[in-house]
C-alpha atoms as a PDB file:
ATOM      1  CA  MET A   1      -6.294  26.433 -11.029  1.00  0.00           C
ATOM      2  CA  ASN A   2      -2.509  26.644 -11.475  1.00  0.00           C
ATOM      3  CA  ILE A   3      -1.392  22.997 -11.335  1.00  0.00           C
ATOM      4  CA  GLN A   4       2.371  22.463 -11.148  1.00  0.00           C
ATOM      5  CA  ILE A   5       2.482  18.669 -11.441  1.00  0.00           C
ATOM      6  CA  VAL A   6      -0.039  16.193 -12.878  1.00  0.00           C
ATOM      7  CA  GLY A   7       0.253  12.467 -12.281  1.00  0.00           C
ATOM      8  CA  VAL A   8      -1.071   9.761 -14.588  1.00  0.00           C
ATOM      9  CA  GLY A   9      -0.961   6.116 -13.613  1.00  0.00           C
ATOM     10  CA  ALA A  10      -2.774   3.233 -11.971  1.00  0.00           C
ATOM     11  CA  LEU A  11      -4.994   3.878  -8.947  1.00  0.00           C
ATOM     12  CA  ASN A  12      -5.061   0.951  -6.533  1.00  0.00           C
ATOM     13  CA  ILE A  13      -5.991  -0.088  -3.044  1.00  0.00           C
ATOM     14  CA  ASP A  14      -3.028  -1.884  -1.428  1.00  0.00           C
ATOM     15  CA  HIS A  15      -3.763  -4.930   0.713  1.00  0.00           C
ATOM     16  CA  ILE A  16      -0.566  -5.375   2.722  1.00  0.00           C
ATOM     17  CA  TYR A  17       0.040  -8.733   4.368  1.00  0.00           C
ATOM     18  CA  LYS A  18       2.856  -8.682   6.924  1.00  0.00           C
ATOM     19  CA  VAL A  19       4.703 -12.016   6.956  1.00  0.00           C
ATOM     20  CA  ALA A  20       7.890 -13.276   8.582  1.00  0.00           C
ATOM     21  CA  ARG A  21       9.416 -14.054   5.182  1.00  0.00           C
ATOM     22  CA  ILE A  22       8.489 -14.302   1.526  1.00  0.00           C
ATOM     23  CA  LEU A  23       8.148 -17.955   0.491  1.00  0.00           C
ATOM     24  CA  ASP A  24       9.165 -19.595  -2.769  1.00  0.00           C
ATOM     25  CA  ASP A  25       6.987 -22.501  -1.728  1.00  0.00           C
ATOM     26  CA  GLY A  26       5.459 -23.702   1.512  1.00  0.00           C
ATOM     27  CA  GLU A  27       3.200 -22.327   4.230  1.00  0.00           C
ATOM     28  CA  ALA A  28       3.430 -19.482   6.728  1.00  0.00           C
ATOM     29  CA  VAL A  29       1.227 -17.401   9.010  1.00  0.00           C
ATOM     30  CA  VAL A  30       0.084 -13.887   8.085  1.00  0.00           C
ATOM     31  CA  GLU A  31       0.926 -11.671  11.055  1.00  0.00           C
ATOM     32  CA  ALA A  32      -1.194  -8.664  10.099  1.00  0.00           C
ATOM     33  CA  VAL A  33      -3.294  -7.305   7.242  1.00  0.00           C
ATOM     34  CA  GLU A  34      -3.804  -3.605   6.529  1.00  0.00           C
ATOM     35  CA  VAL A  35      -5.415  -1.735   3.651  1.00  0.00           C
ATOM     36  CA  PHE A  36      -4.145   1.562   2.207  1.00  0.00           C
ATOM     37  CA  PRO A  37      -4.548   3.757  -0.883  1.00  0.00           C
ATOM     38  CA  GLY A  38      -1.813   3.139  -3.463  1.00  0.00           C
ATOM     39  CA  GLY A  39      -0.565   3.314  -7.043  1.00  0.00           C
ATOM     40  CA  SER A  40       2.963   4.460  -7.922  1.00  0.00           C
ATOM     41  CA  ALA A  41       2.373   7.884  -9.483  1.00  0.00           C
ATOM     42  CA  ALA A  42      -0.618   8.320  -7.163  1.00  0.00           C
ATOM     43  CA  ASN A  43       1.588   7.885  -4.091  1.00  0.00           C
ATOM     44  CA  THR A  44       4.050  10.442  -5.419  1.00  0.00           C
ATOM     45  CA  ILE A  45       1.324  12.974  -6.198  1.00  0.00           C
ATOM     46  CA  TYR A  46      -0.209  12.437  -2.757  1.00  0.00           C
ATOM     47  CA  GLY A  47       3.231  13.083  -1.222  1.00  0.00           C
ATOM     48  CA  LEU A  48       3.611  16.283  -3.238  1.00  0.00           C
ATOM     49  CA  GLY A  49       0.162  17.445  -2.195  1.00  0.00           C
ATOM     50  CA  LYS A  50       1.076  16.877   1.443  1.00  0.00           C
ATOM     51  CA  LEU A  51       4.185  19.004   0.886  1.00  0.00           C
ATOM     52  CA  GLY A  52       2.013  21.836  -0.407  1.00  0.00           C
ATOM     53  CA  VAL A  53       2.684  21.452  -4.135  1.00  0.00           C
ATOM     54  CA  SER A  54      -0.271  22.210  -6.425  1.00  0.00           C
ATOM     55  CA  ALA A  55      -0.960  18.845  -8.032  1.00  0.00           C
ATOM     56  CA  GLY A  56      -3.631  16.902  -9.911  1.00  0.00           C
ATOM     57  CA  PHE A  57      -4.136  13.344 -11.092  1.00  0.00           C
ATOM     58  CA  GLY A  58      -5.553  11.551 -14.124  1.00  0.00           C
ATOM     59  CA  GLY A  59      -6.708   7.956 -13.866  1.00  0.00           C
ATOM     60  CA  ALA A  60      -9.699   5.693 -13.308  1.00  0.00           C
ATOM     61  CA  VAL A  61     -11.494   4.145 -10.344  1.00  0.00           C
ATOM     62  CA  GLY A  62     -14.641   2.060  -9.999  1.00  0.00           C
ATOM     63  CA  ASP A  63     -17.918   3.318  -8.632  1.00  0.00           C
ATOM     64  CA  ASP A  64     -17.314   1.459  -5.370  1.00  0.00           C
ATOM     65  CA  ASP A  65     -16.253   2.239  -1.820  1.00  0.00           C
ATOM     66  CA  GLU A  66     -12.570   1.720  -2.681  1.00  0.00           C
ATOM     67  CA  GLY A  67     -12.789   4.345  -5.425  1.00  0.00           C
ATOM     68  CA  LYS A  68     -14.310   6.809  -2.972  1.00  0.00           C
ATOM     69  CA  ILE A  69     -11.466   6.133  -0.524  1.00  0.00           C
ATOM     70  CA  LEU A  70      -8.867   6.978  -3.181  1.00  0.00           C
ATOM     71  CA  LEU A  71     -10.622  10.214  -4.125  1.00  0.00           C
ATOM     72  CA  LYS A  72     -11.033  11.329  -0.511  1.00  0.00           C
ATOM     73  CA  ASP A  73      -7.387  10.552   0.263  1.00  0.00           C
ATOM     74  CA  PHE A  74      -6.228  12.861  -2.543  1.00  0.00           C
ATOM     75  CA  GLU A  75      -8.672  15.569  -1.545  1.00  0.00           C
ATOM     76  CA  ALA A  76      -7.401  15.464   2.057  1.00  0.00           C
ATOM     77  CA  VAL A  77      -4.028  16.835   0.877  1.00  0.00           C
ATOM     78  CA  GLY A  78      -5.418  19.227  -1.728  1.00  0.00           C
ATOM     79  CA  VAL A  79      -4.806  17.138  -4.883  1.00  0.00           C
ATOM     80  CA  ASP A  80      -7.224  17.981  -7.717  1.00  0.00           C
ATOM     81  CA  THR A  81      -9.313  14.883  -8.520  1.00  0.00           C
ATOM     82  CA  GLY A  82     -11.350  16.426 -11.341  1.00  0.00           C
ATOM     83  CA  GLN A  83      -9.483  14.391 -13.969  1.00  0.00           C
ATOM     84  CA  ILE A  84     -10.102  11.007 -12.321  1.00  0.00           C
ATOM     85  CA  LYS A  85     -12.807   9.088 -14.183  1.00  0.00           C
ATOM     86  CA  ILE A  86     -15.306   6.955 -12.267  1.00  0.00           C
ATOM     87  CA  LYS A  87     -16.080   3.844 -14.316  1.00  0.00           C
ATOM     88  CA  PRO A  88     -19.636   2.526 -13.771  1.00  0.00           C
ATOM     89  CA  LYS A  89     -19.965  -1.075 -12.566  1.00  0.00           C
ATOM     90  CA  ALA A  90     -16.165  -1.436 -12.464  1.00  0.00           C
ATOM     91  CA  THR A  91     -14.077  -2.549  -9.504  1.00  0.00           C
ATOM     92  CA  THR A  92     -11.299  -0.228  -8.360  1.00  0.00           C
ATOM     93  CA  GLY A  93      -7.816  -1.634  -8.943  1.00  0.00           C
ATOM     94  CA  SER A  94      -6.102  -3.435  -6.103  1.00  0.00           C
ATOM     95  CA  VAL A  95      -2.720  -4.869  -5.193  1.00  0.00           C
ATOM     96  CA  ILE A  96      -1.943  -7.802  -2.907  1.00  0.00           C
ATOM     97  CA  CYS A  97       1.393  -7.063  -1.241  1.00  0.00           C
ATOM     98  CA  LEU A  98       3.339  -9.549   0.868  1.00  0.00           C
ATOM     99  CA  SER A  99       5.859  -7.626   2.985  1.00  0.00           C
ATOM    100  CA  ASP A 100       8.435  -9.318   5.220  1.00  0.00           C
ATOM    101  CA  LYS A 101      10.571  -8.214   8.148  1.00  0.00           C
ATOM    102  CA  VAL A 102      13.707  -7.502   6.102  1.00  0.00           C
ATOM    103  CA  GLY A 103      11.962  -5.259   3.601  1.00  0.00           C
ATOM    104  CA  LYS A 104      11.329  -7.714   0.773  1.00  0.00           C
ATOM    105  CA  ARG A 105       8.026  -7.459  -1.054  1.00  0.00           C
ATOM    106  CA  SER A 106       5.977  -9.495  -3.487  1.00  0.00           C
ATOM    107  CA  LEU A 107       3.228  -7.671  -5.400  1.00  0.00           C
ATOM    108  CA  TYR A 108       0.235  -9.075  -7.272  1.00  0.00           C
ATOM    109  CA  VAL A 109      -1.869  -6.631  -9.299  1.00  0.00           C
ATOM    110  CA  LEU A 110      -5.610  -6.770 -10.015  1.00  0.00           C
ATOM    111  CA  PRO A 111      -5.999  -3.835 -12.463  1.00  0.00           C
ATOM    112  CA  GLY A 112      -9.786  -3.432 -12.341  1.00  0.00           C
ATOM    113  CA  ALA A 113     -10.930   0.018 -13.518  1.00  0.00           C
ATOM    114  CA  ASN A 114      -7.365   0.925 -14.564  1.00  0.00           C
ATOM    115  CA  ASN A 115      -7.846  -1.319 -17.603  1.00  0.00           C
ATOM    116  CA  LEU A 116     -10.736   0.909 -18.747  1.00  0.00           C
ATOM    117  CA  LEU A 117      -8.765   4.164 -18.941  1.00  0.00           C
ATOM    118  CA  THR A 118      -8.413   5.493 -22.509  1.00  0.00           C
ATOM    119  CA  ILE A 119      -6.761   8.484 -24.148  1.00  0.00           C
ATOM    120  CA  LYS A 120     -10.235  10.056 -24.418  1.00  0.00           C
ATOM    121  CA  ASP A 121     -10.319  10.156 -20.618  1.00  0.00           C
ATOM    122  CA  ILE A 122      -7.174  12.311 -20.536  1.00  0.00           C
ATOM    123  CA  ASP A 123      -7.619  16.076 -20.839  1.00  0.00           C
ATOM    124  CA  LEU A 124      -4.528  17.108 -22.785  1.00  0.00           C
ATOM    125  CA  SER A 125      -5.097  20.807 -22.205  1.00  0.00           C
ATOM    126  CA  TYR A 126      -5.106  20.156 -18.448  1.00  0.00           C
ATOM    127  CA  ILE A 127      -1.822  18.250 -18.589  1.00  0.00           C
ATOM    128  CA  ASN A 128      -0.210  20.665 -21.015  1.00  0.00           C
ATOM    129  CA  GLY A 129      -0.997  23.472 -18.593  1.00  0.00           C
ATOM    130  CA  ALA A 130       1.249  21.890 -15.940  1.00  0.00           C
ATOM    131  CA  LYS A 131       5.010  22.185 -15.546  1.00  0.00           C
ATOM    132  CA  ILE A 132       5.571  18.453 -15.051  1.00  0.00           C
ATOM    133  CA  LEU A 133       3.766  15.235 -15.976  1.00  0.00           C
ATOM    134  CA  HIS A 134       4.652  12.357 -13.642  1.00  0.00           C
ATOM    135  CA  LEU A 135       3.871   9.083 -15.420  1.00  0.00           C
ATOM    136  CA  SER A 136       3.922   5.545 -14.023  1.00  0.00           C
ATOM    137  CA  SER A 137       2.981   2.118 -15.324  1.00  0.00           C
ATOM    138  CA  PHE A 138      -0.239   0.257 -16.018  1.00  0.00           C
ATOM    139  CA  ALA A 139      -0.702  -3.516 -16.149  1.00  0.00           C
ATOM    140  CA  ASN A 140      -2.460  -3.681 -19.522  1.00  0.00           C
ATOM    141  CA  ASP A 141      -0.947  -3.143 -22.982  1.00  0.00           C
ATOM    142  CA  LYS A 142      -3.858  -0.879 -23.994  1.00  0.00           C
ATOM    143  CA  GLN A 143      -2.868   1.625 -21.311  1.00  0.00           C
ATOM    144  CA  PHE A 144       0.799   1.319 -22.304  1.00  0.00           C
ATOM    145  CA  LYS A 145      -0.165   2.355 -25.842  1.00  0.00           C
ATOM    146  CA  MET A 146      -2.254   5.147 -24.332  1.00  0.00           C
ATOM    147  CA  SER A 147       0.838   6.315 -22.424  1.00  0.00           C
ATOM    148  CA  LEU A 148       2.878   6.372 -25.636  1.00  0.00           C
ATOM    149  CA  GLU A 149       0.189   8.466 -27.308  1.00  0.00           C
ATOM    150  CA  LEU A 150      -0.022  10.815 -24.336  1.00  0.00           C
ATOM    151  CA  VAL A 151       3.736  11.404 -24.308  1.00  0.00           C
ATOM    152  CA  ASP A 152       3.698  12.050 -28.052  1.00  0.00           C
ATOM    153  CA  LYS A 153       1.069  14.764 -27.576  1.00  0.00           C
ATOM    154  CA  LEU A 154       2.800  16.605 -24.739  1.00  0.00           C
ATOM    155  CA  ASP A 155       3.680  20.245 -25.313  1.00  0.00           C
ATOM    156  CA  ASP A 156       7.396  21.006 -25.346  1.00  0.00           C
ATOM    157  CA  SER A 157       6.882  23.132 -22.241  1.00  0.00           C
ATOM    158  CA  VAL A 158       5.896  20.097 -20.119  1.00  0.00           C
ATOM    159  CA  ARG A 159       8.723  18.177 -18.468  1.00  0.00           C
ATOM    160  CA  LEU A 160       8.159  14.425 -18.293  1.00  0.00           C
ATOM    161  CA  SER A 161       8.934  12.586 -15.083  1.00  0.00           C
ATOM    162  CA  PHE A 162       8.780   8.818 -15.687  1.00  0.00           C
ATOM    163  CA  THR A 163       8.850   5.896 -13.276  1.00  0.00           C
ATOM    164  CA  PRO A 164       8.565   2.658 -15.275  1.00  0.00           C
ATOM    165  CA  GLY A 165       8.489   0.214 -12.371  1.00  0.00           C
ATOM    166  CA  ALA A 166       9.115  -3.477 -12.874  1.00  0.00           C
ATOM    167  CA  LEU A 167       6.209  -3.911 -15.316  1.00  0.00           C
ATOM    168  CA  TYR A 168       7.537  -1.414 -17.857  1.00  0.00           C
ATOM    169  CA  ALA A 169      11.243  -2.092 -17.238  1.00  0.00           C
ATOM    170  CA  ALA A 170      10.539  -5.679 -18.340  1.00  0.00           C
ATOM    171  CA  LYS A 171       9.398  -4.371 -21.735  1.00  0.00           C
ATOM    172  CA  GLY A 172      12.967  -3.331 -22.544  1.00  0.00           C
ATOM    173  CA  PHE A 173      14.674  -0.351 -24.156  1.00  0.00           C
ATOM    174  CA  GLN A 174      13.105  -0.618 -27.585  1.00  0.00           C
ATOM    175  CA  ALA A 175       9.536  -0.590 -26.287  1.00  0.00           C
ATOM    176  CA  LEU A 176      10.198   2.286 -23.888  1.00  0.00           C
ATOM    177  CA  ALA A 177      12.353   4.343 -26.272  1.00  0.00           C
ATOM    178  CA  PRO A 178       9.559   6.797 -27.291  1.00  0.00           C
ATOM    179  CA  ILE A 179       9.021   7.644 -23.623  1.00  0.00           C
ATOM    180  CA  LEU A 180      12.686   7.622 -22.596  1.00  0.00           C
ATOM    181  CA  ARG A 181      13.629  10.026 -25.416  1.00  0.00           C
ATOM    182  CA  ARG A 182      11.126  12.517 -24.005  1.00  0.00           C
ATOM    183  CA  THR A 183      11.971  11.958 -20.337  1.00  0.00           C
ATOM    184  CA  TYR A 184      13.307  14.843 -18.267  1.00  0.00           C
ATOM    185  CA  ILE A 185      13.690  12.765 -15.070  1.00  0.00           C
ATOM    186  CA  LEU A 186      13.764   8.967 -14.974  1.00  0.00           C
ATOM    187  CA  PHE A 187      13.078   7.403 -11.559  1.00  0.00           C
ATOM    188  CA  ILE A 188      14.186   3.780 -11.438  1.00  0.00           C
ATOM    189  CA  ASN A 189      15.549   1.355  -8.829  1.00  0.00           C
ATOM    190  CA  GLN A 190      18.664  -0.793  -9.109  1.00  0.00           C
ATOM    191  CA  ASP A 191      16.786  -3.972 -10.047  1.00  0.00           C
ATOM    192  CA  GLU A 192      14.778  -2.205 -12.735  1.00  0.00           C
ATOM    193  CA  ILE A 193      17.782  -0.503 -14.322  1.00  0.00           C
ATOM    194  CA  LYS A 194      19.534  -3.871 -14.482  1.00  0.00           C
ATOM    195  CA  GLN A 195      16.462  -5.390 -16.112  1.00  0.00           C
ATOM    196  CA  LEU A 196      16.098  -2.506 -18.558  1.00  0.00           C
ATOM    197  CA  THR A 197      19.732  -2.103 -19.602  1.00  0.00           C
ATOM    198  CA  GLY A 198      21.560  -5.250 -18.539  1.00  0.00           C
ATOM    199  CA  GLU A 199      24.028  -2.944 -16.775  1.00  0.00           C
ATOM    200  CA  GLY A 200      24.761  -1.974 -13.185  1.00  0.00           C
ATOM    201  CA  VAL A 201      23.721   1.318 -11.617  1.00  0.00           C
ATOM    202  CA  ILE A 202      26.396   3.567 -13.146  1.00  0.00           C
ATOM    203  CA  GLY A 203      26.552   1.882 -16.549  1.00  0.00           C
ATOM    204  CA  GLY A 204      22.779   1.628 -16.720  1.00  0.00           C
ATOM    205  CA  ALA A 205      22.369   5.327 -15.967  1.00  0.00           C
ATOM    206  CA  ALA A 206      24.780   6.133 -18.802  1.00  0.00           C
ATOM    207  CA  GLU A 207      22.751   3.947 -21.175  1.00  0.00           C
ATOM    208  CA  CYS A 208      19.552   5.779 -20.221  1.00  0.00           C
ATOM    209  CA  LEU A 209      21.179   9.155 -20.843  1.00  0.00           C
ATOM    210  CA  GLN A 210      22.315   8.000 -24.271  1.00  0.00           C
ATOM    211  CA  THR A 211      18.729   7.030 -25.056  1.00  0.00           C
ATOM    212  CA  GLY A 212      17.612  10.604 -24.422  1.00  0.00           C
ATOM    213  CA  CYS A 213      16.758  10.895 -20.717  1.00  0.00           C
ATOM    214  CA  GLN A 214      18.059  14.190 -19.348  1.00  0.00           C
ATOM    215  CA  ARG A 215      18.365  13.097 -15.723  1.00  0.00           C
ATOM    216  CA  VAL A 216      18.499   9.600 -14.243  1.00  0.00           C
ATOM    217  CA  VAL A 217      17.659   8.988 -10.576  1.00  0.00           C
ATOM    218  CA  VAL A 218      18.420   5.473  -9.310  1.00  0.00           C
ATOM    219  CA  THR A 219      17.073   4.545  -5.878  1.00  0.00           C
ATOM    220  CA  LEU A 220      19.116   1.976  -3.975  1.00  0.00           C
ATOM    221  CA  GLY A 221      16.902   0.857  -1.106  1.00  0.00           C
ATOM    222  CA  LYS A 222      18.931   0.022   1.993  1.00  0.00           C
ATOM    223  CA  GLY A 223      21.983   1.284   0.143  1.00  0.00           C
ATOM    224  CA  ILE A 224      24.992  -0.143  -1.640  1.00  0.00           C
ATOM    225  CA  LYS A 225      28.627   0.827  -2.144  1.00  0.00           C
ATOM    226  CA  LEU A 226      29.232   3.070  -5.146  1.00  0.00           C
ATOM    227  CA  LYS A 227      32.795   4.254  -5.775  1.00  0.00           C
ATOM    228  CA  ASN A 228      33.673   3.211  -2.203  1.00  0.00           C
ATOM    229  CA  THR A 229      30.855   5.356  -0.813  1.00  0.00           C
ATOM    230  CA  ALA A 230      27.651   4.220   0.907  1.00  0.00           C
ATOM    231  CA  ALA A 231      24.800   5.270  -1.357  1.00  0.00           C
ATOM    232  CA  SER A 232      21.018   5.251  -1.105  1.00  0.00           C
ATOM    233  CA  GLY A 233      20.639   7.075  -4.415  1.00  0.00           C
ATOM    234  CA  TYR A 234      22.580   7.815  -7.591  1.00  0.00           C
ATOM    235  CA  ILE A 235      21.797  10.818  -9.797  1.00  0.00           C
ATOM    236  CA  ARG A 236      23.309  11.576 -13.159  1.00  0.00           C
ATOM    237  CA  ASP A 237      22.835  14.071 -15.960  1.00  0.00           C
ATOM    238  CA  ALA A 238      24.953  14.847 -19.022  1.00  0.00           C
ATOM    239  CA  ASN A 239      27.626  16.662 -17.023  1.00  0.00           C
ATOM    240  CA  ASN A 240      27.468  15.588 -13.390  1.00  0.00           C
ATOM    241  CA  GLU A 241      26.849  12.667 -11.079  1.00  0.00           C
ATOM    242  CA  TYR A 242      25.847  12.692  -7.427  1.00  0.00           C
ATOM    243  CA  ILE A 243      25.953   9.935  -4.853  1.00  0.00           C
ATOM    244  CA  ILE A 244      23.288  10.440  -2.184  1.00  0.00           C
ATOM    245  CA  LYS A 245      24.433   9.125   1.176  1.00  0.00           C
ATOM    246  CA  PRO A 246      21.834   7.408   3.400  1.00  0.00           C
ATOM    247  CA  SER A 247      20.270  10.006   5.693  1.00  0.00           C
ATOM    248  CA  ASP A 248      19.855   7.608   8.622  1.00  0.00           C
ATOM    249  CA  THR A 249      19.394   3.977   9.603  1.00  0.00           C
ATOM    250  CA  GLY A 250      16.001   4.346  11.260  1.00  0.00           C
ATOM    251  CA  ALA A 251      13.226   1.806  11.498  1.00  0.00           C
ATOM    252  CA  ARG A 252      12.204   0.000   8.289  1.00  0.00           C
ATOM    253  CA  THR A 253       8.610  -0.889   9.116  1.00  0.00           C
ATOM    254  CA  ASP A 254       7.441  -1.363   5.520  1.00  0.00           C
ATOM    255  CA  THR A 255       9.208  -0.502   2.259  1.00  0.00           C
ATOM    256  CA  THR A 256       6.001  -0.225   0.218  1.00  0.00           C
ATOM    257  CA  GLY A 257       6.101   3.039  -1.731  1.00  0.00           C
ATOM    258  CA  ALA A 258       9.685   3.955  -0.815  1.00  0.00           C
ATOM    259  CA  GLY A 259      10.609   4.757  -4.414  1.00  0.00           C
ATOM    260  CA  ASP A 260       7.420   6.754  -4.887  1.00  0.00           C
ATOM    261  CA  ALA A 261       8.261   8.736  -1.741  1.00  0.00           C
ATOM    262  CA  PHE A 262      11.797   9.408  -3.015  1.00  0.00           C
ATOM    263  CA  ALA A 263      10.249  10.781  -6.229  1.00  0.00           C
ATOM    264  CA  ALA A 264       7.905  13.034  -4.202  1.00  0.00           C
ATOM    265  CA  GLY A 265      10.764  14.593  -2.242  1.00  0.00           C
ATOM    266  CA  PHE A 266      12.917  14.921  -5.353  1.00  0.00           C
ATOM    267  CA  LEU A 267      10.157  16.563  -7.408  1.00  0.00           C
ATOM    268  CA  TYR A 268       9.396  18.935  -4.545  1.00  0.00           C
ATOM    269  CA  GLY A 269      13.010  20.075  -4.924  1.00  0.00           C
ATOM    270  CA  VAL A 270      12.641  20.392  -8.702  1.00  0.00           C
ATOM    271  CA  VAL A 271       9.587  22.649  -8.572  1.00  0.00           C
ATOM    272  CA  ASN A 272      11.363  24.771  -5.983  1.00  0.00           C
ATOM    273  CA  ASN A 273      14.483  25.126  -8.161  1.00  0.00           C
ATOM    274  CA  LYS A 274      16.840  23.151  -5.916  1.00  0.00           C
ATOM    275  CA  ASP A 275      20.026  21.663  -7.369  1.00  0.00           C
ATOM    276  CA  LEU A 276      20.154  17.942  -8.150  1.00  0.00           C
ATOM    277  CA  GLU A 277      22.086  16.964  -5.041  1.00  0.00           C
ATOM    278  CA  GLU A 278      19.629  18.768  -2.765  1.00  0.00           C
ATOM    279  CA  CYS A 279      16.728  17.186  -4.657  1.00  0.00           C
ATOM    280  CA  GLY A 280      18.329  13.799  -3.996  1.00  0.00           C
ATOM    281  CA  ARG A 281      18.693  14.523  -0.295  1.00  0.00           C
ATOM    282  CA  LEU A 282      15.071  15.623  -0.075  1.00  0.00           C
ATOM    283  CA  GLY A 283      14.053  12.422  -1.844  1.00  0.00           C
ATOM    284  CA  ASP A 284      16.104  10.251   0.479  1.00  0.00           C
ATOM    285  CA  ILE A 285      14.667  11.874   3.614  1.00  0.00           C
ATOM    286  CA  THR A 286      11.112  11.535   2.298  1.00  0.00           C
ATOM    287  CA  ALA A 287      11.686   7.849   1.537  1.00  0.00           C
ATOM    288  CA  LYS A 288      13.178   7.191   4.985  1.00  0.00           C
ATOM    289  CA  LEU A 289      10.208   8.837   6.679  1.00  0.00           C
ATOM    290  CA  CYS A 290       7.832   6.866   4.455  1.00  0.00           C
ATOM    291  CA  ILE A 291       9.214   3.433   5.412  1.00  0.00           C
ATOM    292  CA  SER A 292       9.018   4.218   9.119  1.00  0.00           C
ATOM    293  CA  LYS A 293       5.294   3.391   8.962  1.00  0.00           C
ATOM    294  CA  ILE A 294       3.254   0.711   7.238  1.00  0.00           C
ATOM    295  CA  GLY A 295       1.685   1.635   3.901  1.00  0.00           C
ATOM    296  CA  ALA A 296       2.913   3.809   1.048  1.00  0.00           C
ATOM    297  CA  ARG A 297       1.495   7.086   2.406  1.00  0.00           C
ATOM    298  CA  GLU A 298       1.228   6.945   6.202  1.00  0.00           C
ATOM    299  CA  GLY A 299       4.808   8.090   6.799  1.00  0.00           C
ATOM    300  CA  LEU A 300       4.989  10.763   4.106  1.00  0.00           C
ATOM    301  CA  PRO A 301       6.017  14.083   5.674  1.00  0.00           C
ATOM    302  CA  THR A 302       4.469  17.508   5.788  1.00  0.00           C
ATOM    303  CA  LEU A 303       6.683  20.345   4.583  1.00  0.00           C
ATOM    304  CA  LYS A 304       7.394  21.279   8.197  1.00  0.00           C
ATOM    305  CA  GLU A 305       8.551  17.732   8.990  1.00  0.00           C
ATOM    306  CA  LEU A 306      10.699  17.501   5.857  1.00  0.00           C
ATOM    307  CA  THR A 307      12.282  20.903   6.499  1.00  0.00           C
ATOM    308  CA  ARG A 308      13.059  20.075  10.127  1.00  0.00           C
ATOM    309  CA  ARG A 309      14.700  16.763   9.216  1.00  0.00           C
ATOM    310  CA  TYR A 310      16.710  18.369   6.423  1.00  0.00           C
ATOM    311  CA  ARG A 311      18.038  21.035   8.768  1.00  0.00           C
ATOM    312  CA  GLN A 312      18.953  18.415  11.380  1.00  0.00           C
ATOM    313  CA  LEU A 313      20.991  16.471   8.847  1.00  0.00           C
ATOM    314  CA  TYR A 314      22.548  19.198   6.727  1.00  0.00           C
ATOM    315  CA  ASN A 315      22.419  22.345   8.877  1.00  0.00           C
ATOM    316  CA  LYS A 316      20.559  24.189   6.137  1.00  0.00           C
END
């Protein structure tokens, strides 16, 4: 099997509670509860599979119904699940997500079987046979050390795509340096880059490049002003920078997985040799389609849907 991209990261079931607002303290009514497959790198790999990219995943689930749901969801879009380990008598990881009407979220992680994944569970020859490894965070320090070891053992031919998320961004530059030095594409949002570098979007991206990242992709949610331009994404490499303008202002039903969706669209562009600006546009469209429905995967597009939307917006 010729796998182009392999993901490694936590595998979770997301329990999404729709609320009017996120509380610091107090009491409120839950308006709806829905359950979906999740996990940062897992969402991205699912999105790539749906776009027709040959992809696989390495991780761990429990031998429970939730684990079976995660495996079947991958298989439905053609993702290879042969590297996912089923841990006996373990509970599949889960996330409690409070999501409000303005797009704010609060996430609480129960790692479960993810805490049992070891470097022995990772088939290095499988990963080293891919073009790209897409790596996301785990909750436990043992899996962080496993990630460091995995990155150290990557063949030079494998490009590392890294999305640290809030959990790893909080560890700081020094802890992440061995991964950042090896990173081909860093996916990070504006809050995380501030936490990691202490700088804003542009200054933080420059700091990441100096650390060794080759390309930095900052997602900006609803969008902010950068250099007097509305921006939903900022991309920078050693020689160029690109401001990605918001593709539309459509419905924001649920922002869960928006960054993961952006990464899926962007990486689809990478494996198809698109330039960085086009990759950014593809990422932005994928994210916008994702947040039009509840859950991290329900709104992810097929290739036909992504292509049609791209042509509508850019006449290409």
